[in-house]
Amino acid sequence: VVRDVAVTAFCPDCLALHDCEETATEIRCCGTTRRLEDATF
């Protein structure tokens, strides 16, 4: 599927969505910088 947004990610604290560039490796939300590959599992 072709999308207008390269990467869609979410914040596990507030559940907000983040539109990211293809080269992005992290997001910043709720005062915290998180890596896109962060995991609890």
ModelCIF file with pLDDT and N, C-alpha, C, O atoms, coordinates in Angstrom:
data_MODEL
#
_entry.id   MODEL 
#
_entity.id                         1 
_entity.type                       polymer 
_entity.pdbx_number_of_molecules   1 
#
_entity_poly.entity_id                      1 
_entity_poly.type                           'polypeptide(L)' 
_entity_poly.nstd_linkage                   no 
_entity_poly.nstd_monomer                   no 
_entity_poly.pdbx_seq_one_letter_code       VVRDVAVTAFCPDCLALHDCEETATEIRCCGTTRRLEDATF 
_entity_poly.pdbx_seq_one_letter_code_can   VVRDVAVTAFCPDCLALHDCEETATEIRCCGTTRRLEDATF 
_entity_poly.pdbx_strand_id                 A 
#
loop_
_entity_poly_seq.entity_id 
_entity_poly_seq.num 
_entity_poly_seq.mon_id 
_entity_poly_seq.hetero 
1 1  VAL n 
1 2  VAL n 
1 3  ARG n 
1 4  ASP n 
1 5  VAL n 
1 6  ALA n 
1 7  VAL n 
1 8  THR n 
1 9  ALA n 
1 10 PHE n 
1 11 CYS n 
1 12 PRO n 
1 13 ASP n 
1 14 CYS n 
1 15 LEU n 
1 16 ALA n 
1 17 LEU n 
1 18 HIS n 
1 19 ASP n 
1 20 CYS n 
1 21 GLU n 
1 22 GLU n 
1 23 THR n 
1 24 ALA n 
1 25 THR n 
1 26 GLU n 
1 27 ILE n 
1 28 ARG n 
1 29 CYS n 
1 30 CYS n 
1 31 GLY n 
1 32 THR n 
1 33 THR n 
1 34 ARG n 
1 35 ARG n 
1 36 LEU n 
1 37 GLU n 
1 38 ASP n 
1 39 ALA n 
1 40 THR n 
1 41 PHE n 
#
_struct_asym.id          A 
_struct_asym.entity_id   1 
#
loop_
_ma_qa_metric.id 
_ma_qa_metric.mode 
_ma_qa_metric.name 
_ma_qa_metric.software_group_id 
_ma_qa_metric.type 
1 global pLDDT . pLDDT 
2 local  pLDDT . pLDDT 
#
_ma_qa_metric_global.metric_id      1 
_ma_qa_metric_global.metric_value   95.02 
_ma_qa_metric_global.model_id       1 
_ma_qa_metric_global.ordinal_id     1 
#
loop_
_ma_qa_metric_local.label_asym_id 
_ma_qa_metric_local.label_comp_id 
_ma_qa_metric_local.label_seq_id 
_ma_qa_metric_local.metric_id 
_ma_qa_metric_local.metric_value 
_ma_qa_metric_local.model_id 
_ma_qa_metric_local.ordinal_id 
A VAL 1  2 89.00 1 1  
A VAL 2  2 87.00 1 2  
A ARG 3  2 89.00 1 3  
A ASP 4  2 90.00 1 4  
A VAL 5  2 93.00 1 5  
A ALA 6  2 94.00 1 6  
A VAL 7  2 96.00 1 7  
A THR 8  2 97.00 1 8  
A ALA 9  2 97.00 1 9  
A PHE 10 2 97.00 1 10 
A CYS 11 2 97.00 1 11 
A PRO 12 2 96.00 1 12 
A ASP 13 2 95.00 1 13 
A CYS 14 2 95.00 1 14 
A LEU 15 2 96.00 1 15 
A ALA 16 2 97.00 1 16 
A LEU 17 2 97.00 1 17 
A HIS 18 2 97.00 1 18 
A ASP 19 2 96.00 1 19 
A CYS 20 2 96.00 1 20 
A GLU 21 2 94.00 1 21 
A GLU 22 2 91.00 1 22 
A THR 23 2 93.00 1 23 
A ALA 24 2 95.00 1 24 
A THR 25 2 96.00 1 25 
A GLU 26 2 96.00 1 26 
A ILE 27 2 97.00 1 27 
A ARG 28 2 96.00 1 28 
A CYS 29 2 96.00 1 29 
A CYS 30 2 95.00 1 30 
A GLY 31 2 93.00 1 31 
A THR 32 2 94.00 1 32 
A THR 33 2 96.00 1 33 
A ARG 34 2 96.00 1 34 
A ARG 35 2 97.00 1 35 
A LEU 36 2 97.00 1 36 
A GLU 37 2 96.00 1 37 
A ASP 38 2 96.00 1 38 
A ALA 39 2 97.00 1 39 
A THR 40 2 97.00 1 40 
A PHE 41 2 97.00 1 41 
#
loop_
_atom_site.group_PDB 
_atom_site.id 
_atom_site.type_symbol 
_atom_site.label_atom_id 
_atom_site.label_alt_id 
_atom_site.label_comp_id 
_atom_site.label_asym_id 
_atom_site.label_entity_id 
_atom_site.label_seq_id 
_atom_site.pdbx_PDB_ins_code 
_atom_site.Cartn_x 
_atom_site.Cartn_y 
_atom_site.Cartn_z 
_atom_site.occupancy 
_atom_site.B_iso_or_equiv 
_atom_site.pdbx_formal_charge 
_atom_site.auth_seq_id 
_atom_site.auth_comp_id 
_atom_site.auth_asym_id 
_atom_site.auth_atom_id 
_atom_site.pdbx_PDB_model_num 
ATOM 1   N N  . VAL A 1 1  ? 0.846  -1.190 0.000  1.00 89.00 ? 1  VAL A N  1 
ATOM 2   C CA . VAL A 1 1  ? 0.000  0.000  0.000  1.00 89.00 ? 1  VAL A CA 1 
ATOM 3   C C  . VAL A 1 1  ? 0.884  1.244  0.000  1.00 89.00 ? 1  VAL A C  1 
ATOM 4   O O  . VAL A 1 1  ? 1.827  1.348  0.785  1.00 89.00 ? 1  VAL A O  1 
ATOM 5   N N  . VAL A 1 2  ? 0.572  2.176  -0.881 1.00 87.00 ? 2  VAL A N  1 
ATOM 6   C CA . VAL A 1 2  ? 1.327  3.430  -0.955 1.00 87.00 ? 2  VAL A CA 1 
ATOM 7   C C  . VAL A 1 2  ? 0.612  4.471  -0.109 1.00 87.00 ? 2  VAL A C  1 
ATOM 8   O O  . VAL A 1 2  ? -0.594 4.677  -0.252 1.00 87.00 ? 2  VAL A O  1 
ATOM 9   N N  . ARG A 1 3  ? 1.359  5.128  0.772  1.00 89.00 ? 3  ARG A N  1 
ATOM 10  C CA . ARG A 1 3  ? 0.774  6.127  1.673  1.00 89.00 ? 3  ARG A CA 1 
ATOM 11  C C  . ARG A 1 3  ? 1.459  7.479  1.474  1.00 89.00 ? 3  ARG A C  1 
ATOM 12  O O  . ARG A 1 3  ? 2.558  7.562  0.926  1.00 89.00 ? 3  ARG A O  1 
ATOM 13  N N  . ASP A 1 4  ? 0.797  8.513  1.922  1.00 90.00 ? 4  ASP A N  1 
ATOM 14  C CA . ASP A 1 4  ? 1.399  9.847  1.909  1.00 90.00 ? 4  ASP A CA 1 
ATOM 15  C C  . ASP A 1 4  ? 2.412  10.004 3.038  1.00 90.00 ? 4  ASP A C  1 
ATOM 16  O O  . ASP A 1 4  ? 3.299  10.854 2.974  1.00 90.00 ? 4  ASP A O  1 
ATOM 17  N N  . VAL A 1 5  ? 2.272  9.176  4.074  1.00 93.00 ? 5  VAL A N  1 
ATOM 18  C CA . VAL A 1 5  ? 3.154  9.234  5.236  1.00 93.00 ? 5  VAL A CA 1 
ATOM 19  C C  . VAL A 1 5  ? 4.070  8.013  5.209  1.00 93.00 ? 5  VAL A C  1 
ATOM 20  O O  . VAL A 1 5  ? 3.601  6.886  5.045  1.00 93.00 ? 5  VAL A O  1 
ATOM 21  N N  . ALA A 1 6  ? 5.371  8.233  5.369  1.00 94.00 ? 6  ALA A N  1 
ATOM 22  C CA . ALA A 1 6  ? 6.327  7.133  5.282  1.00 94.00 ? 6  ALA A CA 1 
ATOM 23  C C  . ALA A 1 6  ? 6.208  6.186  6.479  1.00 94.00 ? 6  ALA A C  1 
ATOM 24  O O  . ALA A 1 6  ? 6.180  4.967  6.308  1.00 94.00 ? 6  ALA A O  1 
ATOM 25  N N  . VAL A 1 7  ? 6.139  6.744  7.682  1.00 96.00 ? 7  VAL A N  1 
ATOM 26  C CA . VAL A 1 7  ? 6.091  5.929  8.902  1.00 96.00 ? 7  VAL A CA 1 
ATOM 27  C C  . VAL A 1 7  ? 5.052  6.514  9.849  1.00 96.00 ? 7  VAL A C  1 
ATOM 28  O O  . VAL A 1 7  ? 5.036  7.719  10.102 1.00 96.00 ? 7  VAL A O  1 
ATOM 29  N N  . THR A 1 8  ? 4.189  5.654  10.366 1.00 97.00 ? 8  THR A N  1 
ATOM 30  C CA . THR A 1 8  ? 3.226  6.060  11.394 1.00 97.00 ? 8  THR A CA 1 
ATOM 31  C C  . THR A 1 8  ? 3.590  5.343  12.681 1.00 97.00 ? 8  THR A C  1 
ATOM 32  O O  . THR A 1 8  ? 3.657  4.115  12.717 1.00 97.00 ? 8  THR A O  1 
ATOM 33  N N  . ALA A 1 9  ? 3.828  6.118  13.748 1.00 97.00 ? 9  ALA A N  1 
ATOM 34  C CA . ALA A 1 9  ? 4.219  5.555  15.038 1.00 97.00 ? 9  ALA A CA 1 
ATOM 35  C C  . ALA A 1 9  ? 3.282  6.085  16.121 1.00 97.00 ? 9  ALA A C  1 
ATOM 36  O O  . ALA A 1 9  ? 2.518  7.023  15.891 1.00 97.00 ? 9  ALA A O  1 
ATOM 37  N N  . PHE A 1 10 ? 3.350  5.469  17.310 1.00 97.00 ? 10 PHE A N  1 
ATOM 38  C CA . PHE A 1 10 ? 2.475  5.889  18.406 1.00 97.00 ? 10 PHE A CA 1 
ATOM 39  C C  . PHE A 1 10 ? 3.277  6.085  19.679 1.00 97.00 ? 10 PHE A C  1 
ATOM 40  O O  . PHE A 1 10 ? 4.349  5.507  19.858 1.00 97.00 ? 10 PHE A O  1 
ATOM 41  N N  . CYS A 1 11 ? 2.738  6.906  20.550 1.00 97.00 ? 11 CYS A N  1 
ATOM 42  C CA . CYS A 1 11 ? 3.330  7.110  21.873 1.00 97.00 ? 11 CYS A CA 1 
ATOM 43  C C  . CYS A 1 11 ? 2.640  6.162  22.848 1.00 97.00 ? 11 CYS A C  1 
ATOM 44  O O  . CYS A 1 11 ? 1.416  6.218  22.961 1.00 97.00 ? 11 CYS A O  1 
ATOM 45  N N  . PRO A 1 12 ? 3.356  5.302  23.552 1.00 96.00 ? 12 PRO A N  1 
ATOM 46  C CA . PRO A 1 12 ? 2.718  4.343  24.457 1.00 96.00 ? 12 PRO A CA 1 
ATOM 47  C C  . PRO A 1 12 ? 2.130  4.972  25.717 1.00 96.00 ? 12 PRO A C  1 
ATOM 48  O O  . PRO A 1 12 ? 1.399  4.309  26.453 1.00 96.00 ? 12 PRO A O  1 
ATOM 49  N N  . ASP A 1 13 ? 2.440  6.247  25.975 1.00 95.00 ? 13 ASP A N  1 
ATOM 50  C CA . ASP A 1 13 ? 1.902  6.911  27.159 1.00 95.00 ? 13 ASP A CA 1 
ATOM 51  C C  . ASP A 1 13 ? 0.564  7.590  26.869 1.00 95.00 ? 13 ASP A C  1 
ATOM 52  O O  . ASP A 1 13 ? -0.426 7.333  27.554 1.00 95.00 ? 13 ASP A O  1 
ATOM 53  N N  . CYS A 1 14 ? 0.536  8.452  25.857 1.00 95.00 ? 14 CYS A N  1 
ATOM 54  C CA . CYS A 1 14 ? -0.691 9.202  25.572 1.00 95.00 ? 14 CYS A CA 1 
ATOM 55  C C  . CYS A 1 14 ? -1.448 8.663  24.365 1.00 95.00 ? 14 CYS A C  1 
ATOM 56  O O  . CYS A 1 14 ? -2.563 9.102  24.084 1.00 95.00 ? 14 CYS A O  1 
ATOM 57  N N  . LEU A 1 15 ? -0.840 7.701  23.641 1.00 96.00 ? 15 LEU A N  1 
ATOM 58  C CA . LEU A 1 15 ? -1.436 7.048  22.466 1.00 96.00 ? 15 LEU A CA 1 
ATOM 59  C C  . LEU A 1 15 ? -1.536 7.970  21.254 1.00 96.00 ? 15 LEU A C  1 
ATOM 60  O O  . LEU A 1 15 ? -2.213 7.630  20.284 1.00 96.00 ? 15 LEU A O  1 
ATOM 61  N N  . ALA A 1 16 ? -0.878 9.131  21.286 1.00 97.00 ? 16 ALA A N  1 
ATOM 62  C CA . ALA A 1 16 ? -0.885 10.027 20.130 1.00 97.00 ? 16 ALA A CA 1 
ATOM 63  C C  . ALA A 1 16 ? -0.115 9.398  18.977 1.00 97.00 ? 16 ALA A C  1 
ATOM 64  O O  . ALA A 1 16 ? 0.850  8.665  19.192 1.00 97.00 ? 16 ALA A O  1 
ATOM 65  N N  . LEU A 1 17 ? -0.552 9.691  17.735 1.00 97.00 ? 17 LEU A N  1 
ATOM 66  C CA . LEU A 1 17 ? 0.141  9.207  16.546 1.00 97.00 ? 17 LEU A CA 1 
ATOM 67  C C  . LEU A 1 17 ? 1.156  10.236 16.073 1.00 97.00 ? 17 LEU A C  1 
ATOM 68  O O  . LEU A 1 17 ? 0.980  11.439 16.263 1.00 97.00 ? 17 LEU A O  1 
ATOM 69  N N  . HIS A 1 18 ? 2.230  9.737  15.449 1.00 97.00 ? 18 HIS A N  1 
ATOM 70  C CA . HIS A 1 18 ? 3.280  10.601 14.917 1.00 97.00 ? 18 HIS A CA 1 
ATOM 71  C C  . HIS A 1 18 ? 3.572  10.187 13.484 1.00 97.00 ? 18 HIS A C  1 
ATOM 72  O O  . HIS A 1 18 ? 3.842  9.018  13.207 1.00 97.00 ? 18 HIS A O  1 
ATOM 73  N N  . ASP A 1 19 ? 3.517  11.160 12.570 1.00 96.00 ? 19 ASP A N  1 
ATOM 74  C CA . ASP A 1 19 ? 3.910  10.941 11.183 1.00 96.00 ? 19 ASP A CA 1 
ATOM 75  C C  . ASP A 1 19 ? 5.396  11.224 11.067 1.00 96.00 ? 19 ASP A C  1 
ATOM 76  O O  . ASP A 1 19 ? 5.861  12.303 11.433 1.00 96.00 ? 19 ASP A O  1 
ATOM 77  N N  . CYS A 1 20 ? 6.149  10.240 10.549 1.00 96.00 ? 20 CYS A N  1 
ATOM 78  C CA . CYS A 1 20 ? 7.608  10.351 10.523 1.00 96.00 ? 20 CYS A CA 1 
ATOM 79  C C  . CYS A 1 20 ? 8.144  10.160 9.105  1.00 96.00 ? 20 CYS A C  1 
ATOM 80  O O  . CYS A 1 20 ? 7.499  9.556  8.248  1.00 96.00 ? 20 CYS A O  1 
ATOM 81  N N  . GLU A 1 21 ? 9.346  10.696 8.888  1.00 94.00 ? 21 GLU A N  1 
ATOM 82  C CA . GLU A 1 21 ? 10.050 10.451 7.641  1.00 94.00 ? 21 GLU A CA 1 
ATOM 83  C C  . GLU A 1 21 ? 10.574 9.016  7.622  1.00 94.00 ? 21 GLU A C  1 
ATOM 84  O O  . GLU A 1 21 ? 10.687 8.367  8.662  1.00 94.00 ? 21 GLU A O  1 
ATOM 85  N N  . GLU A 1 22 ? 10.888 8.539  6.429  1.00 91.00 ? 22 GLU A N  1 
ATOM 86  C CA . GLU A 1 22 ? 11.354 7.158  6.295  1.00 91.00 ? 22 GLU A CA 1 
ATOM 87  C C  . GLU A 1 22 ? 12.632 6.908  7.084  1.00 91.00 ? 22 GLU A C  1 
ATOM 88  O O  . GLU A 1 22 ? 12.856 5.797  7.565  1.00 91.00 ? 22 GLU A O  1 
ATOM 89  N N  . THR A 1 23 ? 13.471 7.932  7.221  1.00 93.00 ? 23 THR A N  1 
ATOM 90  C CA . THR A 1 23 ? 14.757 7.771  7.908  1.00 93.00 ? 23 THR A CA 1 
ATOM 91  C C  . THR A 1 23 ? 14.667 8.000  9.414  1.00 93.00 ? 23 THR A C  1 
ATOM 92  O O  . THR A 1 23 ? 15.668 7.876  10.120 1.00 93.00 ? 23 THR A O  1 
ATOM 93  N N  . ALA A 1 24 ? 13.479 8.333  9.912  1.00 95.00 ? 24 ALA A N  1 
ATOM 94  C CA . ALA A 1 24 ? 13.333 8.633  11.346 1.00 95.00 ? 24 ALA A CA 1 
ATOM 95  C C  . ALA A 1 24 ? 13.656 7.402  12.188 1.00 95.00 ? 24 ALA A C  1 
ATOM 96  O O  . ALA A 1 24 ? 13.372 6.270  11.796 1.00 95.00 ? 24 ALA A O  1 
ATOM 97  N N  . THR A 1 25 ? 14.249 7.645  13.341 1.00 96.00 ? 25 THR A N  1 
ATOM 98  C CA . THR A 1 25 ? 14.570 6.554  14.269 1.00 96.00 ? 25 THR A CA 1 
ATOM 99  C C  . THR A 1 25 ? 13.950 6.765  15.640 1.00 96.00 ? 25 THR A C  1 
ATOM 100 O O  . THR A 1 25 ? 14.009 5.877  16.491 1.00 96.00 ? 25 THR A O  1 
ATOM 101 N N  . GLU A 1 26 ? 13.337 7.967  15.871 1.00 96.00 ? 26 GLU A N  1 
ATOM 102 C CA . GLU A 1 26 ? 12.766 8.232  17.179 1.00 96.00 ? 26 GLU A CA 1 
ATOM 103 C C  . GLU A 1 26 ? 11.639 9.256  17.074 1.00 96.00 ? 26 GLU A C  1 
ATOM 104 O O  . GLU A 1 26 ? 11.495 9.951  16.068 1.00 96.00 ? 26 GLU A O  1 
ATOM 105 N N  . ILE A 1 27 ? 10.845 9.327  18.140 1.00 97.00 ? 27 ILE A N  1 
ATOM 106 C CA . ILE A 1 27 ? 9.810  10.352 18.268 1.00 97.00 ? 27 ILE A CA 1 
ATOM 107 C C  . ILE A 1 27 ? 9.977  11.014 19.633 1.00 97.00 ? 27 ILE A C  1 
ATOM 108 O O  . ILE A 1 27 ? 10.563 10.438 20.550 1.00 97.00 ? 27 ILE A O  1 
ATOM 109 N N  . ARG A 1 28 ? 9.450  12.233 19.752 1.00 96.00 ? 28 ARG A N  1 
ATOM 110 C CA . ARG A 1 28 ? 9.450  12.911 21.050 1.00 96.00 ? 28 ARG A CA 1 
ATOM 111 C C  . ARG A 1 28 ? 8.017  13.228 21.419 1.00 96.00 ? 28 ARG A C  1 
ATOM 112 O O  . ARG A 1 28 ? 7.302  13.882 20.660 1.00 96.00 ? 28 ARG A O  1 
ATOM 113 N N  . CYS A 1 29 ? 7.591  12.758 22.600 1.00 96.00 ? 29 CYS A N  1 
ATOM 114 C CA . CYS A 1 29 ? 6.215  12.961 23.052 1.00 96.00 ? 29 CYS A CA 1 
ATOM 115 C C  . CYS A 1 29 ? 6.171  12.837 24.564 1.00 96.00 ? 29 CYS A C  1 
ATOM 116 O O  . CYS A 1 29 ? 6.965  12.105 25.155 1.00 96.00 ? 29 CYS A O  1 
ATOM 117 N N  . CYS A 1 30 ? 5.249  13.547 25.188 1.00 95.00 ? 30 CYS A N  1 
ATOM 118 C CA . CYS A 1 30 ? 5.085  13.499 26.646 1.00 95.00 ? 30 CYS A CA 1 
ATOM 119 C C  . CYS A 1 30 ? 6.401  13.811 27.368 1.00 95.00 ? 30 CYS A C  1 
ATOM 120 O O  . CYS A 1 30 ? 6.686  13.266 28.435 1.00 95.00 ? 30 CYS A O  1 
ATOM 121 N N  . GLY A 1 31 ? 7.189  14.697 26.762 1.00 93.00 ? 31 GLY A N  1 
ATOM 122 C CA . GLY A 1 31 ? 8.437  15.116 27.385 1.00 93.00 ? 31 GLY A CA 1 
ATOM 123 C C  . GLY A 1 31 ? 9.547  14.092 27.320 1.00 93.00 ? 31 GLY A C  1 
ATOM 124 O O  . GLY A 1 31 ? 10.559 14.234 28.006 1.00 93.00 ? 31 GLY A O  1 
ATOM 125 N N  . THR A 1 32 ? 9.376  13.058 26.505 1.00 94.00 ? 32 THR A N  1 
ATOM 126 C CA . THR A 1 32 ? 10.360 11.975 26.445 1.00 94.00 ? 32 THR A CA 1 
ATOM 127 C C  . THR A 1 32 ? 10.696 11.669 24.992 1.00 94.00 ? 32 THR A C  1 
ATOM 128 O O  . THR A 1 32 ? 9.823  11.691 24.125 1.00 94.00 ? 32 THR A O  1 
ATOM 129 N N  . THR A 1 33 ? 11.961 11.384 24.736 1.00 96.00 ? 33 THR A N  1 
ATOM 130 C CA . THR A 1 33 ? 12.384 10.921 23.416 1.00 96.00 ? 33 THR A CA 1 
ATOM 131 C C  . THR A 1 33 ? 12.427 9.398  23.424 1.00 96.00 ? 33 THR A C  1 
ATOM 132 O O  . THR A 1 33 ? 13.054 8.785  24.288 1.00 96.00 ? 33 THR A O  1 
ATOM 133 N N  . ARG A 1 34 ? 11.759 8.807  22.462 1.00 96.00 ? 34 ARG A N  1 
ATOM 134 C CA . ARG A 1 34 ? 11.689 7.341  22.385 1.00 96.00 ? 34 ARG A CA 1 
ATOM 135 C C  . ARG A 1 34 ? 12.191 6.872  21.019 1.00 96.00 ? 34 ARG A C  1 
ATOM 136 O O  . ARG A 1 34 ? 11.933 7.496  19.990 1.00 96.00 ? 34 ARG A O  1 
ATOM 137 N N  . ARG A 1 35 ? 12.913 5.756  21.045 1.00 97.00 ? 35 ARG A N  1 
ATOM 138 C CA . ARG A 1 35 ? 13.317 5.127  19.790 1.00 97.00 ? 35 ARG A CA 1 
ATOM 139 C C  . ARG A 1 35 ? 12.122 4.374  19.200 1.00 97.00 ? 35 ARG A C  1 
ATOM 140 O O  . ARG A 1 35 ? 11.308 3.810  19.931 1.00 97.00 ? 35 ARG A O  1 
ATOM 141 N N  . LEU A 1 36 ? 12.034 4.375  17.883 1.00 97.00 ? 36 LEU A N  1 
ATOM 142 C CA . LEU A 1 36 ? 10.905 3.690  17.239 1.00 97.00 ? 36 LEU A CA 1 
ATOM 143 C C  . LEU A 1 36 ? 10.912 2.195  17.524 1.00 97.00 ? 36 LEU A C  1 
ATOM 144 O O  . LEU A 1 36 ? 9.864  1.551  17.495 1.00 97.00 ? 36 LEU A O  1 
ATOM 145 N N  . GLU A 1 37 ? 12.092 1.641  17.799 1.00 96.00 ? 37 GLU A N  1 
ATOM 146 C CA . GLU A 1 37 ? 12.163 0.204  18.073 1.00 96.00 ? 37 GLU A CA 1 
ATOM 147 C C  . GLU A 1 37 ? 12.123 -0.109 19.564 1.00 96.00 ? 37 GLU A C  1 
ATOM 148 O O  . GLU A 1 37 ? 12.445 -1.226 19.969 1.00 96.00 ? 37 GLU A O  1 
ATOM 149 N N  . ASP A 1 38 ? 11.728 0.874  20.395 1.00 96.00 ? 38 ASP A N  1 
ATOM 150 C CA . ASP A 1 38 ? 11.500 0.576  21.809 1.00 96.00 ? 38 ASP A CA 1 
ATOM 151 C C  . ASP A 1 38 ? 10.437 -0.510 21.929 1.00 96.00 ? 38 ASP A C  1 
ATOM 152 O O  . ASP A 1 38 ? 9.543  -0.614 21.089 1.00 96.00 ? 38 ASP A O  1 
ATOM 153 N N  . ALA A 1 39 ? 10.543 -1.312 22.974 1.00 97.00 ? 39 ALA A N  1 
ATOM 154 C CA . ALA A 1 39 ? 9.614  -2.431 23.119 1.00 97.00 ? 39 ALA A CA 1 
ATOM 155 C C  . ALA A 1 39 ? 9.468  -2.818 24.583 1.00 97.00 ? 39 ALA A C  1 
ATOM 156 O O  . ALA A 1 39 ? 10.400 -2.670 25.373 1.00 97.00 ? 39 ALA A O  1 
ATOM 157 N N  . THR A 1 40 ? 8.294  -3.311 24.931 1.00 97.00 ? 40 THR A N  1 
ATOM 158 C CA . THR A 1 40 ? 8.117  -3.969 26.229 1.00 97.00 ? 40 THR A CA 1 
ATOM 159 C C  . THR A 1 40 ? 8.114  -5.484 26.061 1.00 97.00 ? 40 THR A C  1 
ATOM 160 O O  . THR A 1 40 ? 8.172  -6.225 27.042 1.00 97.00 ? 40 THR A O  1 
ATOM 161 N N  . PHE A 1 41 ? 8.047  -5.947 24.791 1.00 97.00 ? 41 PHE A N  1 
ATOM 162 C CA . PHE A 1 41 ? 8.029  -7.390 24.515 1.00 97.00 ? 41 PHE A CA 1 
ATOM 163 C C  . PHE A 1 41 ? 9.162  -7.690 23.539 1.00 97.00 ? 41 PHE A C  1 
ATOM 164 O O  . PHE A 1 41 ? 9.355  -8.842 23.151 1.00 97.00 ? 41 PHE A O  1 
#
